[in-house]
């Protein structure tokens, strides 16, 4: 009976492993855990560091853009594991493009914030669909999953959908300073301010085109 139980547990582990592998099929890792290969930081480049295989933002405003792709991203799934420290603010931009300074003008931001004073919390499609109580906590890694398919944006936190948004046809720019519209582009991670320390790991993407 004991041998049977052991065998059953091994079979279960194999099924879970196979299922997990299948779920990740088509994803490409875009952060190697040890270098900035494929990424380019804007102003205040020292705000980005590595620690134990993690990408850490810690310092004045800076944005880390993914520049390692051979063509822009349009329809995709993006996943990253994220951990905040208390009072920290960050974000994940998509359909954006590199710029040397300032807040990214192009694309949308998926907010990263559990206890920072900004009321727009983790998973918010910043300024468009705002989340107030995300299923995540400071000090613990969560999975942030962004899906874009044509005009449809879905954001999931730890598998729970917190944003399900369809951009209306002919949507006007967010303001004269920011083009918050779908098109195509790349990704960028945000170092928000010197009091915000946020960790990223296991960053990967799958094209849906």
Protein backbone atom coordinates (compact mmCIF):
# COMPACT_ATOMS: atom_id res chain seq x y z
CA UNK A 1 0.00 0.00 0.00
CA UNK A 2 2.86 2.35 0.86
CA UNK A 3 4.57 1.65 -2.48
CA UNK A 4 1.31 2.35 -4.28
CA UNK A 5 0.95 5.71 -2.48
CA UNK A 6 4.50 6.67 -3.45
CA UNK A 7 3.86 5.68 -7.07
CA UNK A 8 0.62 7.67 -7.10
CA UNK A 9 2.38 10.76 -5.77
CA UNK A 10 5.06 10.45 -8.47
CA UNK A 11 2.43 10.16 -11.19
CA UNK A 12 0.62 13.20 -9.79
CA UNK A 13 3.84 15.22 -9.75
CA UNK A 14 4.53 14.24 -13.37
CA UNK A 15 1.03 15.30 -14.42
CA UNK A 16 1.37 18.66 -12.65
CA UNK A 17 4.81 19.20 -14.20
CA UNK A 18 3.57 18.31 -17.67
CA UNK A 19 0.52 20.53 -17.29
CA UNK A 20 2.67 23.45 -16.13
CA UNK A 21 5.04 22.96 -19.06
CA UNK A 22 2.13 22.85 -21.49
CA UNK A 23 0.68 26.04 -20.02
CA UNK A 24 3.98 27.83 -20.61
CA UNK A 25 4.39 26.52 -24.16
CA UNK A 26 5.38 29.28 -26.56
CA UNK A 27 6.74 31.64 -23.91
CA UNK A 28 10.23 33.09 -24.32
CA UNK A 29 12.29 34.24 -21.35
CA UNK A 30 13.41 37.85 -21.83
CA UNK A 31 15.41 38.37 -18.60
CA UNK A 32 18.36 36.04 -17.94
CA UNK A 33 18.61 36.86 -14.22
CA UNK A 34 22.19 38.09 -14.35
CA UNK A 35 22.57 40.91 -16.88
CA UNK A 36 20.82 43.71 -18.76
CA UNK A 37 21.09 41.79 -22.02
CA UNK A 38 18.17 42.85 -24.20
CA UNK A 39 17.23 45.75 -21.91
CA UNK A 40 18.09 49.47 -21.92
CA UNK A 41 17.64 51.84 -18.99
CA UNK A 42 16.69 55.49 -19.40
CA UNK A 43 17.64 58.31 -17.00
CA UNK A 44 19.17 57.34 -13.62
CA UNK A 45 20.50 54.02 -14.85
CA UNK A 46 21.87 53.17 -11.38
CA UNK A 47 18.28 52.69 -10.21
CA UNK A 48 18.49 49.16 -11.68
CA UNK A 49 20.50 46.41 -9.97
CA UNK A 50 20.80 42.62 -9.71
CA UNK A 51 20.55 40.64 -6.50
CA UNK A 52 20.50 36.84 -6.26
CA UNK A 53 19.13 36.48 -9.78
CA UNK A 54 16.50 39.17 -9.26
CA UNK A 55 16.08 42.45 -11.10
CA UNK A 56 15.73 45.21 -8.50
CA UNK A 57 14.52 48.77 -9.04
CA UNK A 58 15.76 51.00 -6.24
CA UNK A 59 16.36 54.69 -6.84
CA UNK A 60 15.17 57.80 -8.69
CA UNK A 61 12.82 57.60 -11.67
CA UNK A 62 14.07 55.36 -14.46
CA UNK A 63 12.49 53.03 -16.99
CA UNK A 64 14.02 49.80 -18.22
CA UNK A 65 12.92 49.09 -21.81
CA UNK A 66 13.10 45.71 -23.51
CA UNK A 67 15.07 46.25 -26.74
CA UNK A 68 15.99 42.63 -27.52
CA UNK A 69 13.18 41.83 -29.96
CA UNK A 70 13.54 41.79 -33.74
CA UNK A 71 10.09 43.34 -34.23
CA UNK A 72 7.50 45.19 -32.09
CA UNK A 73 4.95 43.33 -29.99
CA UNK A 74 1.27 43.67 -30.92
CA UNK A 75 -0.74 40.70 -29.65
CA UNK A 76 0.96 38.87 -26.79
CA UNK A 77 0.92 37.36 -23.33
CA UNK A 78 3.43 38.80 -20.86
CA UNK A 79 4.19 37.27 -17.46
CA UNK A 80 6.46 38.37 -14.65
CA UNK A 81 6.84 37.54 -10.98
CA UNK A 82 6.85 40.70 -8.90
CA UNK A 83 7.47 41.54 -5.23
CA UNK A 84 7.03 44.96 -3.60
CA UNK A 85 8.35 46.33 -0.34
CA UNK A 86 5.94 48.40 1.82
CA UNK A 87 5.06 51.76 0.30
CA UNK A 88 6.59 50.98 -3.10
CA UNK A 89 5.33 51.95 -6.54
CA UNK A 90 6.34 50.54 -9.94
CA UNK A 91 4.72 49.54 -13.19
CA UNK A 92 4.89 47.47 -16.36
CA UNK A 93 4.41 49.36 -19.63
CA UNK A 94 3.42 47.71 -22.91
CA UNK A 95 3.02 48.96 -26.48
CA UNK A 96 5.59 51.59 -25.51
CA UNK A 97 8.89 52.73 -27.03
CA UNK A 98 12.25 53.80 -25.67
CA UNK A 99 12.69 57.37 -24.48
CA UNK A 100 15.62 58.85 -22.62
CA UNK A 101 13.77 60.64 -19.83
CA UNK A 102 10.37 61.26 -18.28
CA UNK A 103 7.32 59.06 -17.85
CA UNK A 104 6.79 56.92 -20.99
CA UNK A 105 4.56 58.77 -23.43
CA UNK A 106 3.40 55.76 -25.44
CA UNK A 107 1.46 52.67 -24.43
CA UNK A 108 -0.39 51.57 -21.32
CA UNK A 109 0.87 50.90 -17.80
CA UNK A 110 -0.12 47.89 -15.69
CA UNK A 111 0.32 49.27 -12.19
CA UNK A 112 2.51 47.67 -9.50
CA UNK A 113 1.55 49.02 -6.07
CA UNK A 114 0.15 47.38 -2.94
CA UNK A 115 0.60 49.99 -0.18
CA UNK A 116 1.98 53.12 -1.89
CA UNK A 117 -0.21 56.22 -1.36
CA UNK A 118 -1.39 56.15 -4.99
CA UNK A 119 -4.94 54.67 -4.85
CA UNK A 120 -4.41 52.89 -8.17
CA UNK A 121 -3.20 49.47 -7.02
CA UNK A 122 -1.50 46.45 -8.59
CA UNK A 123 -3.13 45.28 -11.79
CA UNK A 124 -4.74 48.62 -12.61
CA UNK A 125 -4.64 49.69 -16.24
CA UNK A 126 -3.35 53.01 -15.05
CA UNK A 127 -5.84 55.86 -15.44
CA UNK A 128 -8.27 53.69 -17.41
CA UNK A 129 -9.41 50.79 -15.20
CA UNK A 130 -8.34 51.18 -11.60
CA UNK A 131 -8.06 48.30 -9.12
CA UNK A 132 -8.39 49.03 -5.40
CA UNK A 133 -7.86 45.68 -3.70
CA UNK A 134 -5.56 43.32 -5.65
CA UNK A 135 -5.04 39.67 -4.66
CA UNK A 136 -1.37 40.24 -3.72
CA UNK A 137 0.71 41.35 -0.72
CA UNK A 138 3.91 43.26 -0.05
CA UNK A 139 6.85 40.96 0.62
CA UNK A 140 5.48 38.06 -1.45
CA UNK A 141 6.03 37.33 -5.14
CA UNK A 142 2.91 37.36 -7.28
CA UNK A 143 2.45 36.66 -10.99
CA UNK A 144 1.40 39.62 -13.12
CA UNK A 145 -0.06 38.44 -16.43
CA UNK A 146 -0.91 40.88 -19.24
CA UNK A 147 -2.74 39.71 -22.37
CA UNK A 148 -3.33 41.90 -25.42
CA UNK A 149 -5.36 40.62 -28.35
CA UNK A 150 -6.38 43.24 -30.92
CA UNK A 151 -8.36 45.83 -28.87
CA UNK A 152 -8.76 43.62 -25.79
CA UNK A 153 -6.57 43.98 -22.68
CA UNK A 154 -6.72 41.47 -19.84
CA UNK A 155 -4.66 41.74 -16.65
CA UNK A 156 -4.46 38.89 -14.15
CA UNK A 157 -2.86 38.80 -10.72
CA UNK A 158 -2.07 35.31 -9.44
CA UNK A 159 -4.50 33.93 -12.00
CA UNK A 160 -7.39 36.23 -11.01
CA UNK A 161 -8.66 38.61 -13.70
CA UNK A 162 -8.64 42.19 -12.37
CA UNK A 163 -8.93 44.05 -15.71
CA UNK A 164 -10.99 43.05 -18.74
CA UNK A 165 -10.98 46.08 -21.04
CA UNK A 166 -11.82 46.63 -24.69
CA UNK A 167 -10.40 49.79 -26.17
CA UNK A 168 -13.15 51.59 -28.12
CA UNK A 169 -12.64 52.30 -31.79
CA UNK A 170 -11.21 55.75 -32.43
CA UNK A 171 -10.15 56.21 -28.82
CA UNK A 172 -8.57 59.60 -28.32
CA UNK A 173 -5.15 60.07 -26.73
CA UNK A 174 -5.08 60.06 -22.93
CA UNK A 175 -3.92 63.68 -22.97
CA UNK A 176 -1.69 65.96 -25.02
CA UNK A 177 1.30 64.45 -23.18
CA UNK A 178 0.49 60.73 -23.22
CA UNK A 179 -0.60 58.41 -26.03
CA UNK A 180 -2.47 55.78 -24.01
CA UNK A 181 -3.63 53.77 -27.00
CA UNK A 182 -2.98 50.31 -28.38
CA UNK A 183 -0.76 49.94 -31.43
CA UNK A 184 2.46 48.01 -31.00
CA UNK A 185 5.77 48.44 -29.24
CA UNK A 186 7.82 46.99 -26.44
CA UNK A 187 7.77 46.61 -22.65
CA UNK A 188 9.25 48.77 -19.90
CA UNK A 189 9.60 48.34 -16.16
CA UNK A 190 9.40 51.37 -13.90
CA UNK A 191 11.61 52.58 -11.07
CA UNK A 192 9.24 55.16 -9.61
CA UNK A 193 11.10 56.94 -6.80
CA UNK A 194 13.95 56.48 -4.26
CA UNK A 195 11.58 55.07 -1.61
CA UNK A 196 10.22 52.34 -3.89
CA UNK A 197 12.09 49.02 -3.94
CA UNK A 198 10.55 46.36 -6.20
CA UNK A 199 11.83 42.97 -7.37
CA UNK A 200 11.20 41.26 -10.74
CA UNK A 201 12.02 37.74 -11.91
CA UNK A 202 10.93 35.09 -14.42
CA UNK A 203 9.96 37.61 -17.10
CA UNK A 204 8.65 35.96 -20.26
CA UNK A 205 6.46 36.69 -23.25
CA UNK A 206 4.53 34.82 -25.92
CA UNK A 207 3.50 36.39 -29.22
CA UNK A 208 -0.11 35.78 -30.28
CA UNK A 209 0.18 37.19 -33.82
